[in-house]
N, C-alpha and C. Protein backbone atom coordinates (compact mmCIF):
# COMPACT_ATOMS: atom_id res chain seq x y z
N MET A 1 -86.28 80.29 7.23
CA MET A 1 -86.26 79.13 8.10
C MET A 1 -87.63 78.86 8.69
N MET A 2 -88.32 79.86 9.16
CA MET A 2 -89.61 79.64 9.81
C MET A 2 -90.65 79.08 8.84
N SER A 3 -90.55 79.41 7.57
CA SER A 3 -91.56 78.91 6.64
C SER A 3 -91.42 77.40 6.42
N THR A 4 -90.25 76.82 6.65
CA THR A 4 -90.08 75.38 6.45
C THR A 4 -90.52 74.58 7.65
N VAL A 5 -90.85 75.23 8.77
CA VAL A 5 -91.35 74.47 9.91
C VAL A 5 -92.81 74.11 9.73
N LYS A 6 -93.48 74.70 8.78
CA LYS A 6 -94.85 74.33 8.50
C LYS A 6 -94.84 72.93 7.90
N PRO A 7 -95.66 72.03 8.41
CA PRO A 7 -95.64 70.66 7.89
C PRO A 7 -95.84 70.58 6.39
N THR A 8 -96.58 71.50 5.83
CA THR A 8 -96.85 71.45 4.40
C THR A 8 -95.64 71.78 3.55
N CYS A 9 -94.62 72.38 4.13
CA CYS A 9 -93.44 72.79 3.37
C CYS A 9 -92.25 71.87 3.61
N PHE A 10 -92.33 71.04 4.62
CA PHE A 10 -91.19 70.24 5.03
C PHE A 10 -90.60 69.41 3.90
N CYS A 11 -91.43 68.61 3.24
CA CYS A 11 -90.93 67.69 2.21
C CYS A 11 -90.29 68.43 1.04
N GLU A 12 -90.95 69.46 0.59
CA GLU A 12 -90.46 70.18 -0.59
C GLU A 12 -89.16 70.92 -0.29
N PHE A 13 -89.09 71.61 0.84
CA PHE A 13 -87.94 72.47 1.10
C PHE A 13 -86.79 71.78 1.80
N CYS A 14 -87.00 70.58 2.31
CA CYS A 14 -85.94 69.86 3.02
C CYS A 14 -85.40 68.68 2.23
N TYR A 15 -85.79 68.57 0.98
CA TYR A 15 -85.40 67.42 0.16
C TYR A 15 -83.89 67.32 -0.03
N GLU A 16 -83.25 68.42 -0.35
CA GLU A 16 -81.80 68.39 -0.58
C GLU A 16 -81.05 67.95 0.68
N GLU A 17 -81.48 68.43 1.83
CA GLU A 17 -80.86 68.05 3.08
C GLU A 17 -81.08 66.58 3.38
N TYR A 18 -82.28 66.09 3.08
CA TYR A 18 -82.57 64.67 3.26
C TYR A 18 -81.63 63.84 2.38
N LYS A 19 -81.49 64.23 1.13
CA LYS A 19 -80.58 63.51 0.22
C LYS A 19 -79.15 63.56 0.75
N ASP A 20 -78.72 64.70 1.29
CA ASP A 20 -77.37 64.82 1.85
C ASP A 20 -77.16 63.84 3.00
N VAL A 21 -78.12 63.80 3.94
CA VAL A 21 -78.00 62.91 5.10
C VAL A 21 -77.92 61.45 4.65
N THR A 22 -78.83 61.03 3.77
CA THR A 22 -78.84 59.64 3.36
C THR A 22 -77.61 59.29 2.51
N GLY A 23 -77.15 60.24 1.71
CA GLY A 23 -75.95 60.00 0.91
C GLY A 23 -74.70 59.87 1.75
N ILE A 24 -74.54 60.76 2.70
CA ILE A 24 -73.36 60.72 3.59
C ILE A 24 -73.40 59.46 4.44
N TYR A 25 -74.56 59.12 4.97
CA TYR A 25 -74.67 57.91 5.77
C TYR A 25 -74.33 56.68 4.94
N GLY A 26 -74.81 56.64 3.72
CA GLY A 26 -74.50 55.52 2.83
C GLY A 26 -73.01 55.41 2.57
N SER A 27 -72.35 56.54 2.39
CA SER A 27 -70.89 56.54 2.18
C SER A 27 -70.17 56.02 3.42
N LEU A 28 -70.60 56.47 4.59
CA LEU A 28 -69.98 56.00 5.84
C LEU A 28 -70.18 54.49 6.01
N LYS A 29 -71.36 54.03 5.72
CA LYS A 29 -71.70 52.63 5.93
C LYS A 29 -70.94 51.70 4.99
N HIS A 30 -70.61 52.19 3.79
CA HIS A 30 -69.93 51.36 2.80
C HIS A 30 -68.41 51.50 2.84
N SER A 31 -67.90 52.33 3.71
CA SER A 31 -66.46 52.47 3.88
C SER A 31 -66.04 51.70 5.13
N PRO A 32 -65.28 50.62 4.96
CA PRO A 32 -64.92 49.80 6.13
C PRO A 32 -64.28 50.60 7.27
N GLN A 33 -63.38 51.52 6.93
CA GLN A 33 -62.72 52.31 7.97
C GLN A 33 -63.71 53.23 8.67
N CYS A 34 -64.52 53.93 7.90
CA CYS A 34 -65.51 54.84 8.49
C CYS A 34 -66.57 54.08 9.27
N LYS A 35 -66.99 52.95 8.72
CA LYS A 35 -68.03 52.17 9.38
C LYS A 35 -67.57 51.74 10.77
N GLU A 36 -66.35 51.26 10.85
CA GLU A 36 -65.85 50.80 12.16
C GLU A 36 -65.57 51.97 13.09
N THR A 37 -64.96 53.02 12.58
CA THR A 37 -64.58 54.15 13.41
C THR A 37 -65.78 54.98 13.85
N LEU A 38 -66.63 55.35 12.91
CA LEU A 38 -67.71 56.28 13.21
C LEU A 38 -69.03 55.62 13.60
N LEU A 39 -69.34 54.49 12.98
CA LEU A 39 -70.63 53.88 13.26
C LEU A 39 -70.56 52.84 14.38
N ALA A 40 -69.66 51.89 14.25
CA ALA A 40 -69.56 50.85 15.26
C ALA A 40 -68.85 51.33 16.51
N GLY A 41 -67.92 52.27 16.35
CA GLY A 41 -67.15 52.75 17.50
C GLY A 41 -67.82 53.86 18.28
N ASP A 42 -68.95 54.33 17.81
CA ASP A 42 -69.66 55.43 18.47
C ASP A 42 -70.53 54.86 19.59
N PHE A 43 -70.06 55.01 20.80
CA PHE A 43 -70.75 54.44 21.97
C PHE A 43 -72.18 54.97 22.10
N THR A 44 -72.38 56.23 21.82
CA THR A 44 -73.71 56.82 21.99
C THR A 44 -74.61 56.57 20.78
N GLN A 45 -74.06 56.03 19.72
CA GLN A 45 -74.83 55.77 18.50
C GLN A 45 -75.45 57.05 17.94
N ALA A 46 -74.79 58.17 18.12
CA ALA A 46 -75.35 59.47 17.71
C ALA A 46 -75.60 59.52 16.20
N ILE A 47 -74.66 59.04 15.41
CA ILE A 47 -74.82 59.10 13.96
C ILE A 47 -75.98 58.20 13.53
N GLN A 48 -76.04 57.00 14.08
CA GLN A 48 -77.13 56.07 13.75
C GLN A 48 -78.47 56.64 14.19
N GLU A 49 -78.52 57.22 15.38
CA GLU A 49 -79.78 57.80 15.89
C GLU A 49 -80.23 58.98 15.03
N LEU A 50 -79.30 59.81 14.62
CA LEU A 50 -79.64 60.94 13.75
C LEU A 50 -80.19 60.44 12.42
N TYR A 51 -79.51 59.47 11.84
CA TYR A 51 -79.96 58.90 10.58
C TYR A 51 -81.36 58.29 10.74
N ASN A 52 -81.58 57.54 11.80
CA ASN A 52 -82.89 56.93 12.04
C ASN A 52 -83.98 57.99 12.20
N PHE A 53 -83.66 59.06 12.93
CA PHE A 53 -84.63 60.14 13.12
C PHE A 53 -85.01 60.78 11.78
N VAL A 54 -84.00 61.09 10.98
CA VAL A 54 -84.26 61.75 9.70
C VAL A 54 -85.05 60.85 8.77
N THR A 55 -84.65 59.59 8.63
CA THR A 55 -85.36 58.71 7.71
C THR A 55 -86.76 58.36 8.21
N THR A 56 -86.93 58.20 9.51
CA THR A 56 -88.26 57.92 10.05
C THR A 56 -89.18 59.12 9.85
N THR A 57 -88.66 60.30 10.11
CA THR A 57 -89.46 61.51 9.90
C THR A 57 -89.85 61.63 8.44
N TRP A 58 -88.92 61.39 7.55
CA TRP A 58 -89.15 61.54 6.12
C TRP A 58 -90.15 60.50 5.59
N THR A 59 -89.96 59.24 5.98
CA THR A 59 -90.75 58.17 5.37
C THR A 59 -92.03 57.83 6.12
N THR A 60 -91.96 57.77 7.44
CA THR A 60 -93.09 57.27 8.22
C THR A 60 -93.98 58.38 8.76
N ARG A 61 -93.38 59.42 9.24
CA ARG A 61 -94.19 60.49 9.85
C ARG A 61 -94.72 61.48 8.83
N ALA A 62 -93.87 61.93 7.94
CA ALA A 62 -94.29 62.95 6.97
C ALA A 62 -94.70 62.36 5.62
N HIS A 63 -94.36 61.12 5.37
CA HIS A 63 -94.68 60.44 4.10
C HIS A 63 -94.21 61.25 2.89
N CYS A 64 -93.02 61.82 3.00
CA CYS A 64 -92.51 62.70 1.95
C CYS A 64 -92.30 62.00 0.62
N ARG A 65 -91.97 60.72 0.65
CA ARG A 65 -91.72 60.05 -0.63
C ARG A 65 -92.95 60.08 -1.52
N ASN A 66 -94.15 60.24 -0.92
CA ASN A 66 -95.37 60.31 -1.72
C ASN A 66 -95.47 61.63 -2.49
N CYS A 67 -94.67 62.61 -2.13
CA CYS A 67 -94.71 63.91 -2.81
C CYS A 67 -93.80 63.95 -4.04
N PHE A 68 -92.98 62.91 -4.21
CA PHE A 68 -92.02 62.90 -5.31
C PHE A 68 -92.32 61.76 -6.28
N LYS A 69 -92.02 62.01 -7.55
CA LYS A 69 -92.18 60.98 -8.56
C LYS A 69 -91.18 59.86 -8.25
N PRO A 70 -91.56 58.60 -8.52
CA PRO A 70 -90.63 57.49 -8.25
C PRO A 70 -89.29 57.67 -8.96
N HIS A 71 -88.23 57.46 -8.22
CA HIS A 71 -86.86 57.54 -8.75
C HIS A 71 -86.57 58.90 -9.40
N SER A 72 -87.09 59.95 -8.79
CA SER A 72 -86.95 61.29 -9.36
C SER A 72 -86.83 62.32 -8.24
N ASP A 73 -86.22 63.45 -8.57
CA ASP A 73 -86.15 64.58 -7.65
C ASP A 73 -87.32 65.54 -7.85
N ASN A 74 -88.22 65.22 -8.74
CA ASN A 74 -89.33 66.11 -9.08
C ASN A 74 -90.57 65.74 -8.27
N ILE A 75 -91.28 66.80 -7.81
CA ILE A 75 -92.50 66.53 -7.06
C ILE A 75 -93.61 66.13 -8.02
N THR A 76 -94.58 65.39 -7.50
CA THR A 76 -95.70 64.95 -8.32
C THR A 76 -96.61 66.14 -8.65
N GLU A 77 -97.45 65.94 -9.63
CA GLU A 77 -98.41 66.98 -10.01
C GLU A 77 -99.36 67.27 -8.84
N GLU A 78 -99.77 66.22 -8.15
CA GLU A 78 -100.66 66.40 -7.00
C GLU A 78 -99.99 67.23 -5.91
N ALA A 79 -98.72 66.95 -5.65
CA ALA A 79 -98.00 67.71 -4.63
C ALA A 79 -97.83 69.16 -5.07
N SER A 80 -97.56 69.37 -6.34
CA SER A 80 -97.41 70.73 -6.86
C SER A 80 -98.71 71.52 -6.69
N GLN A 81 -99.83 70.90 -7.02
CA GLN A 81 -101.13 71.55 -6.85
C GLN A 81 -101.40 71.83 -5.37
N PHE A 82 -101.04 70.88 -4.52
CA PHE A 82 -101.24 71.06 -3.08
C PHE A 82 -100.43 72.26 -2.58
N TYR A 83 -99.16 72.36 -2.99
CA TYR A 83 -98.32 73.47 -2.55
C TYR A 83 -98.84 74.81 -3.05
N GLU A 84 -99.42 74.82 -4.25
CA GLU A 84 -100.04 76.05 -4.76
C GLU A 84 -101.22 76.46 -3.88
N LEU A 85 -102.02 75.49 -3.48
CA LEU A 85 -103.16 75.78 -2.60
C LEU A 85 -102.70 76.26 -1.23
N VAL A 86 -101.64 75.66 -0.72
CA VAL A 86 -101.07 76.10 0.57
C VAL A 86 -100.60 77.54 0.46
N LEU A 87 -99.95 77.88 -0.64
CA LEU A 87 -99.48 79.25 -0.85
C LEU A 87 -100.66 80.21 -0.89
N LEU A 88 -101.72 79.85 -1.59
CA LEU A 88 -102.92 80.70 -1.63
C LEU A 88 -103.51 80.87 -0.23
N LEU A 89 -103.55 79.79 0.53
CA LEU A 89 -104.08 79.86 1.89
C LEU A 89 -103.20 80.74 2.77
N ASP A 90 -101.88 80.58 2.69
CA ASP A 90 -100.96 81.44 3.44
C ASP A 90 -101.15 82.91 3.08
N ASN A 91 -101.29 83.17 1.79
CA ASN A 91 -101.51 84.55 1.35
C ASN A 91 -102.81 85.10 1.92
N CYS A 92 -103.83 84.26 1.94
CA CYS A 92 -105.12 84.68 2.51
C CYS A 92 -104.97 85.01 3.99
N PHE A 93 -104.29 84.14 4.74
CA PHE A 93 -104.06 84.40 6.16
C PHE A 93 -103.26 85.67 6.37
N ASN A 94 -102.24 85.86 5.55
CA ASN A 94 -101.40 87.06 5.68
C ASN A 94 -102.20 88.33 5.36
N MET A 95 -103.05 88.27 4.36
CA MET A 95 -103.89 89.42 4.03
C MET A 95 -104.88 89.69 5.16
N SER A 96 -105.38 88.64 5.76
CA SER A 96 -106.30 88.78 6.87
C SER A 96 -105.64 89.50 8.05
N LYS A 97 -104.38 89.18 8.31
CA LYS A 97 -103.64 89.87 9.38
C LYS A 97 -103.49 91.34 9.08
N VAL A 98 -103.17 91.67 7.84
CA VAL A 98 -102.98 93.06 7.45
C VAL A 98 -104.29 93.83 7.58
N ILE A 99 -105.35 93.22 7.10
CA ILE A 99 -106.66 93.87 7.16
C ILE A 99 -107.09 94.06 8.61
N SER A 100 -106.86 93.07 9.45
CA SER A 100 -107.23 93.17 10.86
C SER A 100 -106.47 94.30 11.56
N VAL A 101 -105.20 94.43 11.25
CA VAL A 101 -104.38 95.49 11.86
C VAL A 101 -104.87 96.85 11.39
N VAL A 102 -105.14 96.98 10.11
CA VAL A 102 -105.62 98.26 9.56
C VAL A 102 -107.01 98.55 10.11
N HIS A 103 -107.84 97.55 10.20
CA HIS A 103 -109.21 97.74 10.68
C HIS A 103 -109.23 98.17 12.16
N CYS A 104 -108.32 97.62 12.95
CA CYS A 104 -108.29 97.96 14.37
C CYS A 104 -107.78 99.38 14.63
N CYS A 105 -106.98 99.88 13.76
CA CYS A 105 -106.39 101.21 13.97
C CYS A 105 -107.40 102.20 13.57
């Protein structure tokens, strides 16, 4: 869980959940009974607010759609290379922590 809080991992590791949220919301919106009961009848607009938060975070704040090929679940080559570099950087930081601990002792 903690590794996905890094901004560099958000788009790649949260994609399935994003698809789930947008798919379920789409189903609710296109079902007359669900739309009236859950979306229009929700005084606090909790479902709508959650959906807005998720889609705004995905599209406007994190620009995740740029990491995926158009109309595909596959990440772009550029995003793949970027994630490889992030992994190398994380490994470097982790090695640095180990070396610092050993060096201090």
